[in-house]
Amino acid sequence: MTALTIRHATPDDLDALAPLYDAYRRFYEQPGDIALASAFLADRMERRESTILVAQAEGQLLGFCQLYPTWCSVAAARIFVLYDLFVDADARRGGVGRALMLAARAFGREAGAVRLDLSTARTNARAQALYESLGWQRDDVYLTYNLALAEPA
């Protein structure tokens, strides 16, 4: 693979980024919808509600990660939730995910965050192996709960 570049996404990336984001959603068993993916990402960028890092080689986007800023009340400090990480199937096992994770860590540190959090499917063993190889610790103390606020379609 040629030189891999990790950088912040811009609105100019939406046409190439939306299909990756759509594939990420389909991985989590959501219906494909490129228009929804594009609109969602555009809103996050326009409102500056997230940071999206993209991996690029030879002018092609190969993957992305998206981080949302928030706060930890217990630590009384800023944290980021790394909510999305996705690498195109053809680019997997080439270090793209690792490079994105390292860039996310550097970004968090530069932004003054004390921690990054993430969650993944219990069955996503490949992602878990990546996270653990980079020093992430699985939380065995706290349970995560969700409350759906919208009626099922």
C-alpha atoms as a PDB file:
ATOM      1  CA  MET A   1       0.000   0.000   0.000  1.00  0.00           C
ATOM      2  CA  THR A   2       1.209   3.513  -0.717  1.00  0.00           C
ATOM      3  CA  ALA A   3       1.537   6.098   2.002  1.00  0.00           C
ATOM      4  CA  LEU A   4      -1.506   6.259   4.227  1.00  0.00           C
ATOM      5  CA  THR A   5      -2.673   9.678   5.361  1.00  0.00           C
ATOM      6  CA  ILE A   6      -4.957  10.262   8.327  1.00  0.00           C
ATOM      7  CA  ARG A   7      -6.669  13.647   8.379  1.00  0.00           C
ATOM      8  CA  HIS A   8      -9.817  15.439   9.487  1.00  0.00           C
ATOM      9  CA  ALA A   9     -12.749  15.002   7.113  1.00  0.00           C
ATOM     10  CA  THR A  10     -14.173  18.047   5.375  1.00  0.00           C
ATOM     11  CA  PRO A  11     -17.468  18.621   3.567  1.00  0.00           C
ATOM     12  CA  ASP A  12     -15.573  17.944   0.322  1.00  0.00           C
ATOM     13  CA  ASP A  13     -15.208  14.319   1.504  1.00  0.00           C
ATOM     14  CA  LEU A  14     -18.945  13.636   1.805  1.00  0.00           C
ATOM     15  CA  ASP A  15     -19.360  11.902  -1.571  1.00  0.00           C
ATOM     16  CA  ALA A  16     -16.588   9.406  -0.737  1.00  0.00           C
ATOM     17  CA  LEU A  17     -17.323   9.192   2.996  1.00  0.00           C
ATOM     18  CA  ALA A  18     -21.077   8.550   2.832  1.00  0.00           C
ATOM     19  CA  PRO A  19     -20.724   5.090   1.208  1.00  0.00           C
ATOM     20  CA  LEU A  20     -18.227   4.062   3.915  1.00  0.00           C
ATOM     21  CA  TYR A  21     -20.572   5.295   6.626  1.00  0.00           C
ATOM     22  CA  ASP A  22     -23.466   3.491   4.960  1.00  0.00           C
ATOM     23  CA  ALA A  23     -21.427   0.250   4.888  1.00  0.00           C
ATOM     24  CA  TYR A  24     -20.648   0.755   8.585  1.00  0.00           C
ATOM     25  CA  ARG A  25     -24.365   1.052   9.367  1.00  0.00           C
ATOM     26  CA  ARG A  26     -25.144  -2.042   7.283  1.00  0.00           C
ATOM     27  CA  PHE A  27     -22.487  -3.945   9.272  1.00  0.00           C
ATOM     28  CA  TYR A  28     -24.697  -3.219  12.289  1.00  0.00           C
ATOM     29  CA  GLU A  29     -27.747  -4.536  10.411  1.00  0.00           C
ATOM     30  CA  GLN A  30     -29.251  -1.179   9.462  1.00  0.00           C
ATOM     31  CA  PRO A  31     -30.808  -0.720   6.027  1.00  0.00           C
ATOM     32  CA  GLY A  32     -28.586   0.888   3.404  1.00  0.00           C
ATOM     33  CA  ASP A  33     -29.369   4.546   2.780  1.00  0.00           C
ATOM     34  CA  ILE A  34     -26.645   6.694   1.207  1.00  0.00           C
ATOM     35  CA  ALA A  35     -28.790   9.844   1.397  1.00  0.00           C
ATOM     36  CA  LEU A  36     -29.297   9.350   5.134  1.00  0.00           C
ATOM     37  CA  ALA A  37     -25.579   8.688   5.618  1.00  0.00           C
ATOM     38  CA  SER A  38     -24.608  11.812   3.718  1.00  0.00           C
ATOM     39  CA  ALA A  39     -27.139  14.026   5.525  1.00  0.00           C
ATOM     40  CA  PHE A  40     -26.134  12.694   8.945  1.00  0.00           C
ATOM     41  CA  LEU A  41     -22.436  13.295   8.327  1.00  0.00           C
ATOM     42  CA  ALA A  42     -23.074  16.729   6.811  1.00  0.00           C
ATOM     43  CA  ASP A  43     -25.081  17.733   9.899  1.00  0.00           C
ATOM     44  CA  ARG A  44     -22.327  16.589  12.251  1.00  0.00           C
ATOM     45  CA  MET A  45     -19.744  18.572  10.295  1.00  0.00           C
ATOM     46  CA  GLU A  46     -21.877  21.683   9.886  1.00  0.00           C
ATOM     47  CA  ARG A  47     -22.822  21.760  13.572  1.00  0.00           C
ATOM     48  CA  ARG A  48     -19.304  20.749  14.682  1.00  0.00           C
ATOM     49  CA  GLU A  49     -20.812  18.004  16.820  1.00  0.00           C
ATOM     50  CA  SER A  50     -18.172  15.399  16.057  1.00  0.00           C
ATOM     51  CA  THR A  51     -14.678  14.924  14.750  1.00  0.00           C
ATOM     52  CA  ILE A  52     -14.353  12.596  11.795  1.00  0.00           C
ATOM     53  CA  LEU A  53     -10.916  11.280  10.912  1.00  0.00           C
ATOM     54  CA  VAL A  54     -10.419   9.648   7.516  1.00  0.00           C
ATOM     55  CA  ALA A  55      -7.724   7.335   6.203  1.00  0.00           C
ATOM     56  CA  GLN A  56      -6.699   8.042   2.624  1.00  0.00           C
ATOM     57  CA  ALA A  57      -4.262   6.462   0.153  1.00  0.00           C
ATOM     58  CA  GLU A  58      -3.867   7.270  -3.538  1.00  0.00           C
ATOM     59  CA  GLY A  59      -6.745   9.745  -3.299  1.00  0.00           C
ATOM     60  CA  GLN A  60      -9.188   7.119  -2.044  1.00  0.00           C
ATOM     61  CA  LEU A  61     -10.842   7.054   1.377  1.00  0.00           C
ATOM     62  CA  LEU A  62     -10.227   3.663   2.970  1.00  0.00           C
ATOM     63  CA  GLY A  63     -11.827   4.147   6.379  1.00  0.00           C
ATOM     64  CA  PHE A  64     -12.922   6.561   9.050  1.00  0.00           C
ATOM     65  CA  CYS A  65     -13.535   6.999  12.739  1.00  0.00           C
ATOM     66  CA  GLN A  66     -15.922   9.433  14.377  1.00  0.00           C
ATOM     67  CA  LEU A  67     -15.500  10.860  17.864  1.00  0.00           C
ATOM     68  CA  TYR A  68     -18.102  12.739  19.887  1.00  0.00           C
ATOM     69  CA  PRO A  69     -17.033  15.147  22.635  1.00  0.00           C
ATOM     70  CA  THR A  70     -18.582  14.756  26.058  1.00  0.00           C
ATOM     71  CA  TRP A  71     -17.688  15.014  29.725  1.00  0.00           C
ATOM     72  CA  CYS A  72     -16.961  12.604  32.528  1.00  0.00           C
ATOM     73  CA  SER A  73     -18.602  13.914  35.692  1.00  0.00           C
ATOM     74  CA  VAL A  74     -16.571  11.624  37.943  1.00  0.00           C
ATOM     75  CA  ALA A  75     -13.238  12.782  36.510  1.00  0.00           C
ATOM     76  CA  ALA A  76     -14.598  16.323  36.016  1.00  0.00           C
ATOM     77  CA  ALA A  77     -12.921  16.356  32.624  1.00  0.00           C
ATOM     78  CA  ARG A  78     -13.464  16.143  28.863  1.00  0.00           C
ATOM     79  CA  ILE A  79     -13.616  12.745  27.190  1.00  0.00           C
ATOM     80  CA  PHE A  80     -14.430  11.582  23.676  1.00  0.00           C
ATOM     81  CA  VAL A  81     -16.612   8.679  22.637  1.00  0.00           C
ATOM     82  CA  LEU A  82     -15.132   6.884  19.654  1.00  0.00           C
ATOM     83  CA  TYR A  83     -18.473   5.814  18.311  1.00  0.00           C
ATOM     84  CA  ASP A  84     -17.667   4.757  14.770  1.00  0.00           C
ATOM     85  CA  LEU A  85     -14.697   2.932  13.258  1.00  0.00           C
ATOM     86  CA  PHE A  86     -14.889   1.393   9.820  1.00  0.00           C
ATOM     87  CA  VAL A  87     -12.402   0.229   7.204  1.00  0.00           C
ATOM     88  CA  ASP A  88     -13.422  -0.730   3.667  1.00  0.00           C
ATOM     89  CA  ALA A  89     -13.346  -4.516   3.256  1.00  0.00           C
ATOM     90  CA  ASP A  90     -10.656  -4.321   0.554  1.00  0.00           C
ATOM     91  CA  ALA A  91      -8.354  -2.306   2.840  1.00  0.00           C
ATOM     92  CA  ARG A  92      -8.660  -4.442   5.974  1.00  0.00           C
ATOM     93  CA  ARG A  93      -5.651  -6.137   7.571  1.00  0.00           C
ATOM     94  CA  GLY A  94      -3.405  -3.406   6.182  1.00  0.00           C
ATOM     95  CA  GLY A  95      -3.042  -1.229   9.267  1.00  0.00           C
ATOM     96  CA  VAL A  96      -5.768   1.271   8.390  1.00  0.00           C
ATOM     97  CA  GLY A  97      -7.839   0.639  11.525  1.00  0.00           C
ATOM     98  CA  ARG A  98      -4.727   0.796  13.705  1.00  0.00           C
ATOM     99  CA  ALA A  99      -3.677   4.095  12.110  1.00  0.00           C
ATOM    100  CA  LEU A 100      -7.132   5.566  12.682  1.00  0.00           C
ATOM    101  CA  MET A 101      -7.130   4.447  16.323  1.00  0.00           C
ATOM    102  CA  LEU A 102      -3.688   5.960  16.908  1.00  0.00           C
ATOM    103  CA  ALA A 103      -4.803   9.215  15.276  1.00  0.00           C
ATOM    104  CA  ALA A 104      -7.910   9.255  17.485  1.00  0.00           C
ATOM    105  CA  ARG A 105      -5.704   8.849  20.560  1.00  0.00           C
ATOM    106  CA  ALA A 106      -3.435  11.701  19.431  1.00  0.00           C
ATOM    107  CA  PHE A 107      -6.450  13.902  18.696  1.00  0.00           C
ATOM    108  CA  GLY A 108      -7.941  13.215  22.133  1.00  0.00           C
ATOM    109  CA  ARG A 109      -4.697  14.088  23.857  1.00  0.00           C
ATOM    110  CA  GLU A 110      -4.290  17.286  21.813  1.00  0.00           C
ATOM    111  CA  ALA A 111      -7.862  18.272  22.714  1.00  0.00           C
ATOM    112  CA  GLY A 112      -7.107  17.841  26.421  1.00  0.00           C
ATOM    113  CA  ALA A 113      -9.313  14.799  26.941  1.00  0.00           C
ATOM    114  CA  VAL A 114      -8.513  12.456  29.806  1.00  0.00           C
ATOM    115  CA  ARG A 115     -10.023   9.377  28.179  1.00  0.00           C
ATOM    116  CA  LEU A 116     -11.524   7.845  25.063  1.00  0.00           C
ATOM    117  CA  ASP A 117     -14.471   5.459  25.398  1.00  0.00           C
ATOM    118  CA  LEU A 118     -15.911   3.038  22.881  1.00  0.00           C
ATOM    119  CA  SER A 119     -18.265   0.110  22.702  1.00  0.00           C
ATOM    120  CA  THR A 120     -18.509  -2.650  20.159  1.00  0.00           C
ATOM    121  CA  ALA A 121     -20.602  -5.710  19.486  1.00  0.00           C
ATOM    122  CA  ARG A 122     -19.745  -8.635  21.743  1.00  0.00           C
ATOM    123  CA  THR A 123     -19.282 -10.731  18.593  1.00  0.00           C
ATOM    124  CA  ASN A 124     -16.826  -8.313  16.936  1.00  0.00           C
ATOM    125  CA  ALA A 125     -13.708 -10.223  18.020  1.00  0.00           C
ATOM    126  CA  ARG A 126     -11.473  -8.732  15.320  1.00  0.00           C
ATOM    127  CA  ALA A 127     -12.165  -5.176  16.521  1.00  0.00           C
ATOM    128  CA  GLN A 128     -11.709  -6.211  20.151  1.00  0.00           C
ATOM    129  CA  ALA A 129      -8.296  -7.682  19.318  1.00  0.00           C
ATOM    130  CA  LEU A 130      -7.275  -4.397  17.672  1.00  0.00           C
ATOM    131  CA  TYR A 131      -8.414  -2.327  20.644  1.00  0.00           C
ATOM    132  CA  GLU A 132      -6.663  -4.538  23.166  1.00  0.00           C
ATOM    133  CA  SER A 133      -3.439  -4.552  21.109  1.00  0.00           C
ATOM    134  CA  LEU A 134      -3.436  -0.755  21.431  1.00  0.00           C
ATOM    135  CA  GLY A 135      -3.836  -0.803  25.203  1.00  0.00           C
ATOM    136  CA  TRP A 136      -7.589  -0.295  25.501  1.00  0.00           C
ATOM    137  CA  GLN A 137      -9.044  -1.943  28.601  1.00  0.00           C
ATOM    138  CA  ARG A 138     -12.418  -3.661  28.603  1.00  0.00           C
ATOM    139  CA  ASP A 139     -14.696  -2.292  31.319  1.00  0.00           C
ATOM    140  CA  ASP A 140     -15.900  -5.157  33.494  1.00  0.00           C
ATOM    141  CA  VAL A 141     -17.204  -2.872  36.253  1.00  0.00           C
ATOM    142  CA  TYR A 142     -19.976  -0.847  34.651  1.00  0.00           C
ATOM    143  CA  LEU A 143     -22.968  -2.056  32.686  1.00  0.00           C
ATOM    144  CA  THR A 144     -24.352  -0.075  29.775  1.00  0.00           C
ATOM    145  CA  TYR A 145     -28.088   0.459  29.415  1.00  0.00           C
ATOM    146  CA  ASN A 146     -30.145   1.978  26.623  1.00  0.00           C
ATOM    147  CA  LEU A 147     -33.654   3.418  26.554  1.00  0.00           C
ATOM    148  CA  ALA A 148     -35.326   3.701  23.157  1.00  0.00           C
ATOM    149  CA  LEU A 149     -37.243   6.959  22.840  1.00  0.00           C
ATOM    150  CA  ALA A 150     -38.600   6.487  19.339  1.00  0.00           C
ATOM    151  CA  GLU A 151     -41.326   4.039  18.392  1.00  0.00           C
ATOM    152  CA  PRO A 152     -40.162   1.165  16.180  1.00  0.00           C
ATOM    153  CA  ALA A 153     -40.890   1.717  12.501  1.00  0.00           C
END
